[in-house]
N, C-alpha and C. Protein backbone atom coordinates (compact mmCIF):
# COMPACT_ATOMS: atom_id res chain seq x y z
N MET A 1 152.33 203.08 51.28
CA MET A 1 151.26 202.11 51.15
C MET A 1 151.18 201.33 52.47
N ARG A 2 149.94 201.00 52.86
CA ARG A 2 149.71 200.22 54.08
C ARG A 2 149.25 198.82 53.67
N PHE A 3 149.92 197.81 54.20
CA PHE A 3 149.65 196.41 53.89
C PHE A 3 148.97 195.75 55.07
N THR A 4 147.79 195.16 54.84
CA THR A 4 147.07 194.43 55.88
C THR A 4 146.83 193.01 55.36
N GLU A 5 147.45 192.03 56.02
CA GLU A 5 147.26 190.65 55.58
C GLU A 5 145.85 190.19 55.91
N THR A 6 145.22 189.50 54.97
CA THR A 6 143.88 188.95 55.20
C THR A 6 144.01 187.68 56.03
N GLU A 7 142.87 187.05 56.31
CA GLU A 7 142.89 185.77 57.04
C GLU A 7 143.46 184.64 56.18
N LEU A 8 143.67 184.90 54.90
CA LEU A 8 144.29 183.92 54.00
C LEU A 8 145.75 184.32 53.82
N PRO A 9 146.69 183.58 54.42
CA PRO A 9 148.09 183.97 54.40
C PRO A 9 148.62 184.25 52.98
N GLY A 10 149.32 185.38 52.87
CA GLY A 10 149.90 185.77 51.60
C GLY A 10 149.04 186.73 50.80
N ALA A 11 147.77 186.88 51.15
CA ALA A 11 146.86 187.79 50.47
C ALA A 11 146.75 189.07 51.31
N PHE A 12 146.92 190.22 50.67
CA PHE A 12 146.97 191.49 51.38
C PHE A 12 145.99 192.51 50.80
N ILE A 13 145.38 193.28 51.70
CA ILE A 13 144.67 194.49 51.32
C ILE A 13 145.72 195.59 51.36
N ILE A 14 145.77 196.39 50.31
CA ILE A 14 146.76 197.47 50.25
C ILE A 14 146.01 198.80 50.14
N ASP A 15 146.23 199.64 51.14
CA ASP A 15 145.64 200.97 51.16
C ASP A 15 146.70 202.00 50.83
N ILE A 16 146.28 203.02 50.12
CA ILE A 16 147.20 204.11 49.80
C ILE A 16 147.39 205.00 51.02
N GLN A 17 148.45 205.78 51.02
CA GLN A 17 148.70 206.79 52.04
C GLN A 17 148.78 208.13 51.31
N PRO A 18 147.63 208.77 51.14
CA PRO A 18 147.60 209.99 50.33
C PRO A 18 148.29 211.17 51.00
N LEU A 19 148.97 211.95 50.18
CA LEU A 19 149.51 213.24 50.59
C LEU A 19 148.55 214.27 50.00
N GLU A 20 147.80 214.95 50.88
CA GLU A 20 146.72 215.82 50.42
C GLU A 20 147.10 217.29 50.53
N ASP A 21 146.53 218.06 49.61
CA ASP A 21 146.57 219.51 49.68
C ASP A 21 145.31 220.04 48.99
N GLU A 22 145.26 221.33 48.74
CA GLU A 22 144.05 221.93 48.17
C GLU A 22 143.71 221.40 46.78
N ARG A 23 144.66 220.82 46.08
CA ARG A 23 144.42 220.30 44.73
C ARG A 23 143.78 218.91 44.76
N GLY A 24 143.99 218.18 45.85
CA GLY A 24 143.55 216.79 45.93
C GLY A 24 144.59 215.99 46.69
N PHE A 25 145.03 214.87 46.11
CA PHE A 25 146.07 214.10 46.77
C PHE A 25 146.96 213.41 45.75
N PHE A 26 148.08 212.93 46.25
CA PHE A 26 149.02 212.10 45.49
C PHE A 26 149.32 210.90 46.35
N ALA A 27 149.40 209.71 45.74
CA ALA A 27 149.73 208.49 46.49
C ALA A 27 150.32 207.46 45.54
N ARG A 28 151.15 206.62 46.09
CA ARG A 28 151.67 205.47 45.32
C ARG A 28 150.61 204.38 45.31
N GLY A 29 150.35 203.80 44.15
CA GLY A 29 149.44 202.68 44.03
C GLY A 29 150.17 201.37 43.79
N PHE A 30 151.47 201.48 43.49
CA PHE A 30 152.30 200.30 43.24
C PHE A 30 153.74 200.67 43.56
N CYS A 31 154.43 199.79 44.28
CA CYS A 31 155.85 199.99 44.56
C CYS A 31 156.50 198.62 44.62
N GLU A 32 157.35 198.33 43.64
CA GLU A 32 158.03 197.04 43.57
C GLU A 32 158.76 196.73 44.87
N ARG A 33 159.47 197.70 45.40
CA ARG A 33 160.27 197.50 46.62
C ARG A 33 159.36 197.15 47.81
N GLU A 34 158.25 197.89 47.99
CA GLU A 34 157.38 197.63 49.13
C GLU A 34 156.68 196.27 49.03
N LEU A 35 156.27 195.88 47.83
CA LEU A 35 155.69 194.55 47.67
C LEU A 35 156.71 193.48 48.02
N ALA A 36 157.93 193.61 47.50
CA ALA A 36 158.98 192.63 47.78
C ALA A 36 159.29 192.55 49.27
N GLU A 37 159.28 193.70 49.96
CA GLU A 37 159.55 193.70 51.41
C GLU A 37 158.49 192.93 52.19
N HIS A 38 157.30 192.78 51.63
CA HIS A 38 156.23 192.01 52.27
C HIS A 38 156.17 190.57 51.74
N GLY A 39 157.18 190.18 50.97
CA GLY A 39 157.25 188.82 50.43
C GLY A 39 156.31 188.58 49.27
N LEU A 40 155.84 189.66 48.63
CA LEU A 40 154.90 189.54 47.53
C LEU A 40 155.63 189.64 46.20
N ILE A 41 155.06 189.05 45.17
CA ILE A 41 155.67 189.06 43.85
C ILE A 41 155.41 190.42 43.20
N PRO A 42 156.47 191.21 42.97
CA PRO A 42 156.26 192.53 42.37
C PRO A 42 156.29 192.53 40.84
N ARG A 43 156.56 191.39 40.23
CA ARG A 43 156.67 191.29 38.77
C ARG A 43 155.32 191.61 38.12
N VAL A 44 155.34 192.46 37.09
CA VAL A 44 154.14 192.79 36.33
C VAL A 44 154.46 192.62 34.84
N VAL A 45 153.70 191.72 34.17
CA VAL A 45 153.90 191.52 32.73
C VAL A 45 152.68 191.93 31.92
N GLN A 46 151.54 192.10 32.59
CA GLN A 46 150.31 192.54 31.93
C GLN A 46 149.53 193.42 32.88
N ALA A 47 148.78 194.35 32.30
CA ALA A 47 147.82 195.14 33.06
C ALA A 47 146.49 195.03 32.32
N ASN A 48 145.46 194.59 33.01
CA ASN A 48 144.16 194.32 32.40
C ASN A 48 143.10 195.27 32.92
N ILE A 49 142.15 195.59 32.06
CA ILE A 49 141.00 196.42 32.42
C ILE A 49 139.74 195.60 32.15
N SER A 50 138.84 195.57 33.11
CA SER A 50 137.56 194.90 32.96
C SER A 50 136.46 195.93 33.19
N PHE A 51 135.72 196.26 32.13
CA PHE A 51 134.60 197.20 32.24
C PHE A 51 133.31 196.39 32.27
N ASN A 52 132.41 196.75 33.16
CA ASN A 52 131.19 195.99 33.39
C ASN A 52 130.00 196.94 33.43
N ARG A 53 129.08 196.76 32.51
CA ARG A 53 127.95 197.68 32.37
C ARG A 53 126.93 197.58 33.49
N ARG A 54 126.68 196.34 33.98
CA ARG A 54 125.55 196.14 34.90
C ARG A 54 125.99 195.80 36.31
N LYS A 55 125.32 196.41 37.27
CA LYS A 55 125.42 196.03 38.68
C LYS A 55 125.04 194.56 38.80
N GLY A 56 125.79 193.81 39.58
CA GLY A 56 125.51 192.38 39.76
C GLY A 56 126.26 191.48 38.81
N THR A 57 127.05 192.05 37.89
CA THR A 57 127.86 191.24 36.98
C THR A 57 128.90 190.49 37.78
N LEU A 58 129.05 189.21 37.47
CA LEU A 58 130.03 188.37 38.17
C LEU A 58 131.04 187.85 37.16
N ARG A 59 132.31 188.02 37.48
CA ARG A 59 133.41 187.49 36.67
C ARG A 59 134.26 186.62 37.58
N GLY A 60 134.46 185.37 37.18
CA GLY A 60 135.32 184.49 37.97
C GLY A 60 134.59 183.20 38.29
N MET A 61 135.25 182.36 38.95
CA MET A 61 136.50 182.45 39.71
C MET A 61 137.64 181.85 38.86
N HIS A 62 138.64 182.64 38.52
CA HIS A 62 139.67 182.23 37.57
C HIS A 62 141.04 182.06 38.23
N TYR A 63 141.83 181.18 37.62
CA TYR A 63 143.24 181.02 38.00
C TYR A 63 143.96 180.32 36.86
N GLN A 64 145.29 180.29 36.94
CA GLN A 64 146.11 179.56 35.97
C GLN A 64 146.95 178.55 36.74
N VAL A 65 147.17 177.38 36.14
CA VAL A 65 147.96 176.34 36.78
C VAL A 65 149.44 176.50 36.41
N ALA A 66 150.30 175.86 37.21
CA ALA A 66 151.75 175.90 36.99
C ALA A 66 152.07 175.33 35.62
N PRO A 67 153.07 175.86 34.98
CA PRO A 67 154.02 176.87 35.46
C PRO A 67 153.58 178.31 35.16
N HIS A 68 152.31 178.54 34.96
CA HIS A 68 151.80 179.86 34.58
C HIS A 68 150.96 180.51 35.68
N GLU A 69 151.17 180.11 36.94
CA GLU A 69 150.40 180.67 38.04
C GLU A 69 150.60 182.19 38.10
N GLU A 70 149.51 182.89 38.40
CA GLU A 70 149.53 184.35 38.43
C GLU A 70 149.39 184.89 39.84
N ALA A 71 150.08 185.98 40.09
CA ALA A 71 149.76 186.86 41.22
C ALA A 71 149.12 188.08 40.58
N LYS A 72 148.18 188.70 41.30
CA LYS A 72 147.46 189.86 40.76
C LYS A 72 147.39 190.96 41.81
N LEU A 73 147.41 192.19 41.35
CA LEU A 73 147.11 193.35 42.18
C LEU A 73 145.89 193.99 41.56
N VAL A 74 144.75 193.91 42.26
CA VAL A 74 143.46 194.31 41.71
C VAL A 74 142.99 195.60 42.38
N ARG A 75 142.50 196.52 41.55
CA ARG A 75 142.00 197.81 42.03
C ARG A 75 140.75 198.16 41.24
N CYS A 76 139.79 198.83 41.88
CA CYS A 76 138.60 199.33 41.21
C CYS A 76 138.85 200.78 40.84
N THR A 77 138.78 201.11 39.56
CA THR A 77 139.07 202.48 39.11
C THR A 77 137.81 203.28 38.79
N ARG A 78 136.67 202.60 38.77
CA ARG A 78 135.39 203.27 38.52
C ARG A 78 134.29 202.42 39.16
N GLY A 79 133.41 203.04 39.92
CA GLY A 79 132.32 202.29 40.53
C GLY A 79 132.74 201.56 41.79
N ALA A 80 132.21 200.33 41.95
CA ALA A 80 132.49 199.53 43.15
C ALA A 80 132.33 198.06 42.82
N LEU A 81 133.14 197.24 43.48
CA LEU A 81 133.04 195.80 43.28
C LEU A 81 133.38 195.06 44.56
N TYR A 82 132.90 193.82 44.62
CA TYR A 82 133.21 192.92 45.73
C TYR A 82 134.17 191.89 45.17
N ASP A 83 135.42 191.95 45.62
CA ASP A 83 136.50 191.11 45.09
C ASP A 83 136.68 189.90 46.00
N VAL A 84 136.72 188.70 45.40
CA VAL A 84 136.78 187.47 46.17
C VAL A 84 137.97 186.62 45.72
N ILE A 85 138.64 186.01 46.69
CA ILE A 85 139.73 185.08 46.40
C ILE A 85 139.49 183.78 47.18
N VAL A 86 139.96 182.67 46.60
CA VAL A 86 139.86 181.35 47.23
C VAL A 86 141.25 180.74 47.24
N ASP A 87 141.67 180.27 48.40
CA ASP A 87 142.98 179.63 48.56
C ASP A 87 142.93 178.23 47.97
N LEU A 88 143.72 177.99 46.93
CA LEU A 88 143.76 176.67 46.28
C LEU A 88 145.07 175.93 46.55
N ARG A 89 145.82 176.37 47.53
CA ARG A 89 147.10 175.72 47.86
C ARG A 89 146.82 174.54 48.78
N PRO A 90 146.94 173.29 48.29
CA PRO A 90 146.57 172.12 49.09
C PRO A 90 147.31 172.03 50.43
N GLU A 91 148.52 172.54 50.51
CA GLU A 91 149.30 172.47 51.75
C GLU A 91 148.94 173.57 52.75
N SER A 92 148.11 174.50 52.34
CA SER A 92 147.77 175.65 53.18
C SER A 92 146.74 175.29 54.25
N PRO A 93 146.88 175.85 55.45
CA PRO A 93 145.85 175.63 56.48
C PRO A 93 144.51 176.28 56.13
N THR A 94 144.51 177.18 55.13
CA THR A 94 143.26 177.83 54.72
C THR A 94 142.80 177.33 53.34
N TYR A 95 143.23 176.13 52.98
CA TYR A 95 142.85 175.53 51.70
C TYR A 95 141.32 175.54 51.51
N LEU A 96 140.88 176.05 50.38
CA LEU A 96 139.48 176.17 49.96
C LEU A 96 138.68 177.19 50.78
N GLN A 97 139.35 178.00 51.58
CA GLN A 97 138.66 179.08 52.26
C GLN A 97 138.71 180.32 51.38
N TRP A 98 137.76 181.21 51.58
CA TRP A 98 137.66 182.41 50.75
C TRP A 98 137.56 183.65 51.62
N THR A 99 137.85 184.77 51.01
CA THR A 99 137.63 186.06 51.64
C THR A 99 137.21 187.04 50.55
N GLY A 100 136.45 188.06 50.97
CA GLY A 100 136.00 189.09 50.04
C GLY A 100 136.29 190.48 50.58
N VAL A 101 136.59 191.39 49.66
CA VAL A 101 136.95 192.76 50.02
C VAL A 101 136.21 193.70 49.07
N GLU A 102 135.62 194.77 49.62
CA GLU A 102 134.99 195.77 48.77
C GLU A 102 136.06 196.74 48.28
N LEU A 103 136.18 196.83 46.97
CA LEU A 103 137.09 197.77 46.32
C LEU A 103 136.24 198.79 45.60
N THR A 104 136.53 200.07 45.81
CA THR A 104 135.76 201.11 45.14
C THR A 104 136.71 202.17 44.57
N ALA A 105 136.19 202.93 43.63
CA ALA A 105 136.97 204.04 43.10
C ALA A 105 137.24 205.07 44.20
N ASP A 106 136.35 205.16 45.18
CA ASP A 106 136.51 206.13 46.25
C ASP A 106 137.47 205.68 47.35
N ASN A 107 137.51 204.37 47.67
CA ASN A 107 138.41 203.95 48.76
C ASN A 107 139.84 203.68 48.28
N HIS A 108 140.05 203.61 46.96
CA HIS A 108 141.39 203.46 46.37
C HIS A 108 142.13 202.23 46.87
N ARG A 109 141.41 201.28 47.42
CA ARG A 109 141.99 200.08 48.01
C ARG A 109 142.34 199.08 46.91
N ALA A 110 143.36 198.27 47.15
CA ALA A 110 143.75 197.20 46.22
C ALA A 110 143.82 195.89 46.99
N LEU A 111 143.70 194.79 46.27
CA LEU A 111 143.85 193.46 46.85
C LEU A 111 144.97 192.75 46.12
N PHE A 112 145.96 192.27 46.88
CA PHE A 112 147.03 191.46 46.29
C PHE A 112 146.59 190.01 46.37
N VAL A 113 146.51 189.36 45.21
CA VAL A 113 146.09 187.96 45.09
C VAL A 113 147.33 187.13 44.80
N PRO A 114 147.77 186.27 45.73
CA PRO A 114 148.97 185.48 45.51
C PRO A 114 148.77 184.37 44.47
N GLN A 115 149.85 183.82 44.01
CA GLN A 115 149.78 182.63 43.18
C GLN A 115 149.08 181.53 43.98
N GLY A 116 148.36 180.66 43.28
CA GLY A 116 147.68 179.57 43.96
C GLY A 116 146.31 179.94 44.49
N PHE A 117 145.77 181.07 44.06
CA PHE A 117 144.44 181.51 44.47
C PHE A 117 143.55 181.68 43.24
N ALA A 118 142.27 181.34 43.38
CA ALA A 118 141.28 181.70 42.36
C ALA A 118 140.80 183.11 42.69
N HIS A 119 140.40 183.84 41.65
CA HIS A 119 140.00 185.23 41.82
C HIS A 119 138.75 185.52 40.99
N GLY A 120 137.86 186.33 41.56
CA GLY A 120 136.69 186.80 40.83
C GLY A 120 136.09 187.99 41.54
N PHE A 121 135.13 188.62 40.89
CA PHE A 121 134.48 189.76 41.53
C PHE A 121 133.06 189.92 41.03
N GLN A 122 132.27 190.66 41.83
CA GLN A 122 130.92 191.03 41.46
C GLN A 122 130.81 192.55 41.55
N THR A 123 130.21 193.16 40.51
CA THR A 123 130.06 194.60 40.51
C THR A 123 128.92 195.02 41.43
N LEU A 124 129.12 196.11 42.13
CA LEU A 124 128.14 196.65 43.07
C LEU A 124 127.42 197.87 42.51
N GLN A 125 127.91 198.37 41.37
CA GLN A 125 127.32 199.52 40.70
C GLN A 125 127.38 199.29 39.20
N ASP A 126 126.48 199.95 38.47
CA ASP A 126 126.59 199.96 37.01
C ASP A 126 127.90 200.65 36.61
N ASN A 127 128.40 200.31 35.43
CA ASN A 127 129.58 200.95 34.85
C ASN A 127 130.79 200.91 35.76
N THR A 128 131.07 199.72 36.27
CA THR A 128 132.22 199.51 37.15
C THR A 128 133.40 199.00 36.34
N GLU A 129 134.58 199.50 36.71
CA GLU A 129 135.80 199.12 36.00
C GLU A 129 136.84 198.63 37.00
N ALA A 130 137.46 197.50 36.68
CA ALA A 130 138.55 196.96 37.49
C ALA A 130 139.84 197.05 36.67
N PHE A 131 140.93 197.32 37.35
CA PHE A 131 142.25 197.38 36.73
C PHE A 131 143.14 196.45 37.53
N TYR A 132 143.78 195.50 36.86
CA TYR A 132 144.66 194.62 37.61
C TYR A 132 145.95 194.34 36.87
N GLN A 133 147.01 194.33 37.68
CA GLN A 133 148.35 194.03 37.21
C GLN A 133 148.60 192.55 37.49
N VAL A 134 149.22 191.87 36.53
CA VAL A 134 149.36 190.42 36.59
C VAL A 134 150.82 190.03 36.42
N SER A 135 151.26 189.01 37.17
CA SER A 135 152.66 188.60 37.17
C SER A 135 153.03 187.64 36.05
N GLU A 136 152.06 187.05 35.39
CA GLU A 136 152.33 186.10 34.29
C GLU A 136 151.41 186.42 33.12
N PHE A 137 151.86 186.04 31.93
CA PHE A 137 151.06 186.25 30.74
C PHE A 137 149.85 185.31 30.74
N TYR A 138 148.74 185.77 30.20
CA TYR A 138 147.57 184.91 30.04
C TYR A 138 147.94 183.75 29.13
N THR A 139 147.68 182.53 29.60
CA THR A 139 147.99 181.32 28.86
C THR A 139 146.72 180.47 28.81
N PRO A 140 146.00 180.48 27.67
CA PRO A 140 144.72 179.78 27.60
C PRO A 140 144.77 178.32 28.03
N THR A 141 145.86 177.61 27.72
CA THR A 141 145.94 176.19 28.09
C THR A 141 146.12 175.98 29.59
N ALA A 142 146.50 177.03 30.32
CA ALA A 142 146.69 176.93 31.77
C ALA A 142 145.50 177.49 32.54
N GLU A 143 144.52 178.04 31.82
CA GLU A 143 143.37 178.65 32.48
C GLU A 143 142.47 177.59 33.11
N ARG A 144 142.04 177.88 34.34
CA ARG A 144 141.10 177.03 35.06
C ARG A 144 140.13 177.93 35.79
N GLY A 145 139.11 177.31 36.41
CA GLY A 145 138.16 178.10 37.17
C GLY A 145 137.37 177.27 38.16
N LEU A 146 136.71 177.98 39.04
CA LEU A 146 135.79 177.40 40.02
C LEU A 146 134.43 178.04 39.79
N ARG A 147 133.37 177.31 40.05
CA ARG A 147 132.05 177.91 39.96
C ARG A 147 131.85 178.91 41.10
N HIS A 148 131.21 180.00 40.81
CA HIS A 148 130.98 181.05 41.81
C HIS A 148 130.06 180.58 42.93
N ASP A 149 129.26 179.53 42.65
CA ASP A 149 128.30 179.03 43.63
C ASP A 149 128.61 177.59 44.06
N ASP A 150 129.87 177.20 43.97
CA ASP A 150 130.27 175.84 44.37
C ASP A 150 129.97 175.65 45.85
N PRO A 151 129.15 174.67 46.21
CA PRO A 151 128.77 174.49 47.62
C PRO A 151 129.95 174.10 48.52
N ALA A 152 131.00 173.52 47.96
CA ALA A 152 132.16 173.15 48.77
C ALA A 152 132.92 174.38 49.26
N ILE A 153 132.73 175.51 48.58
CA ILE A 153 133.42 176.75 48.96
C ILE A 153 132.47 177.68 49.69
N GLY A 154 131.26 177.85 49.20
CA GLY A 154 130.24 178.61 49.91
C GLY A 154 130.45 180.12 49.93
N ILE A 155 130.84 180.69 48.82
CA ILE A 155 131.02 182.14 48.75
C ILE A 155 129.66 182.83 48.91
N HIS A 156 129.63 183.88 49.72
CA HIS A 156 128.42 184.68 49.92
C HIS A 156 128.57 185.97 49.11
N TRP A 157 127.95 186.00 47.95
CA TRP A 157 127.99 187.18 47.10
C TRP A 157 126.96 188.19 47.61
N PRO A 158 127.26 189.49 47.53
CA PRO A 158 126.35 190.48 48.10
C PRO A 158 125.06 190.69 47.31
N LEU A 159 125.05 190.37 46.01
CA LEU A 159 123.89 190.62 45.16
C LEU A 159 123.51 189.37 44.38
N ALA A 160 122.31 189.34 43.88
CA ALA A 160 121.93 188.30 42.93
C ALA A 160 122.77 188.50 41.67
N VAL A 161 123.10 187.42 41.00
CA VAL A 161 123.92 187.51 39.79
C VAL A 161 123.05 188.01 38.64
N ALA A 162 123.42 189.17 38.09
CA ALA A 162 122.67 189.78 36.99
C ALA A 162 123.23 189.38 35.63
N SER A 163 124.52 189.07 35.60
CA SER A 163 125.18 188.70 34.35
C SER A 163 126.42 187.89 34.67
N ILE A 164 126.60 186.78 33.93
CA ILE A 164 127.77 185.92 34.09
C ILE A 164 127.97 185.19 32.77
N SER A 165 129.21 184.88 32.42
CA SER A 165 129.47 184.19 31.16
C SER A 165 129.10 182.71 31.25
N ALA A 166 128.80 182.13 30.11
CA ALA A 166 128.51 180.69 30.06
C ALA A 166 129.71 179.89 30.54
N LYS A 167 130.91 180.34 30.20
CA LYS A 167 132.13 179.64 30.63
C LYS A 167 132.22 179.62 32.15
N ASP A 168 131.88 180.74 32.81
CA ASP A 168 132.00 180.79 34.26
C ASP A 168 130.94 179.96 34.98
N THR A 169 129.83 179.69 34.34
CA THR A 169 128.82 178.82 34.97
C THR A 169 129.11 177.34 34.73
N ALA A 170 130.04 177.05 33.81
CA ALA A 170 130.30 175.66 33.43
C ALA A 170 131.49 175.02 34.14
N TRP A 171 132.21 175.78 34.98
CA TRP A 171 133.34 175.16 35.69
C TRP A 171 132.82 174.02 36.56
N PRO A 172 133.59 172.94 36.71
CA PRO A 172 133.13 171.80 37.54
C PRO A 172 133.23 172.11 39.03
N ASP A 173 132.52 171.31 39.84
CA ASP A 173 132.63 171.42 41.30
C ASP A 173 134.04 171.05 41.73
N VAL A 174 134.48 171.65 42.82
CA VAL A 174 135.77 171.32 43.42
C VAL A 174 135.66 169.93 44.03
N GLN A 175 136.70 169.14 43.88
CA GLN A 175 136.77 167.84 44.53
C GLN A 175 137.50 168.03 45.85
N VAL A 176 136.78 167.98 46.96
CA VAL A 176 137.36 168.26 48.27
C VAL A 176 137.95 166.98 48.83
N PRO A 177 139.27 166.99 49.13
CA PRO A 177 139.89 165.83 49.77
C PRO A 177 139.27 165.60 51.14
N GLN A 178 139.27 164.35 51.59
CA GLN A 178 138.64 164.00 52.87
C GLN A 178 139.19 164.81 54.03
N ARG A 179 140.47 165.15 53.99
CA ARG A 179 141.09 165.87 55.13
C ARG A 179 140.49 167.25 55.34
N VAL A 180 139.86 167.84 54.31
CA VAL A 180 139.29 169.17 54.48
C VAL A 180 137.78 169.16 54.28
N ALA A 181 137.19 167.96 54.26
CA ALA A 181 135.73 167.90 54.09
C ALA A 181 135.05 168.65 55.22
N ARG A 182 134.00 169.37 54.88
CA ARG A 182 133.31 170.21 55.87
C ARG A 182 131.92 169.66 56.10
N ALA A 183 131.45 169.83 57.33
CA ALA A 183 130.11 169.34 57.69
C ALA A 183 129.05 170.25 57.10
């Protein structure tokens, strides 16, 4: 596996290293040892599947608060999606900054989302499926979110939103401390 750190410290794009022959290829999509060697949390307690019928569907931006903070390894297993993370670590030099990565069934790419980050995605094709491994159990009382269109964050989604849950449109605006206020 090839690990490329994003501009948000601790978040990595992970590419497979396929061994190919006439049948196709074989590659590791998860390795506890390799994640740990990069300082990433290799613990997996849940694996989730998100199937999305319509292109433009937006899910997120979700996270869990301590002591139930999650790390995630996200992969697109069908179709294509634009995966976005936002750094919510107040002590981080990239606090409230975001990055997006295109994950597709064809590129086999994954995104490692560290604890302390909000996560969401938008589908780029109909019938898109995401598969993600999670380091902590879902805890409804610890669930939080950010609005996908919060002006303090300014995420640039590739498509108009075709479908989004009422819960995801109702998250409050982020309260930006003066030290990171942006012009």
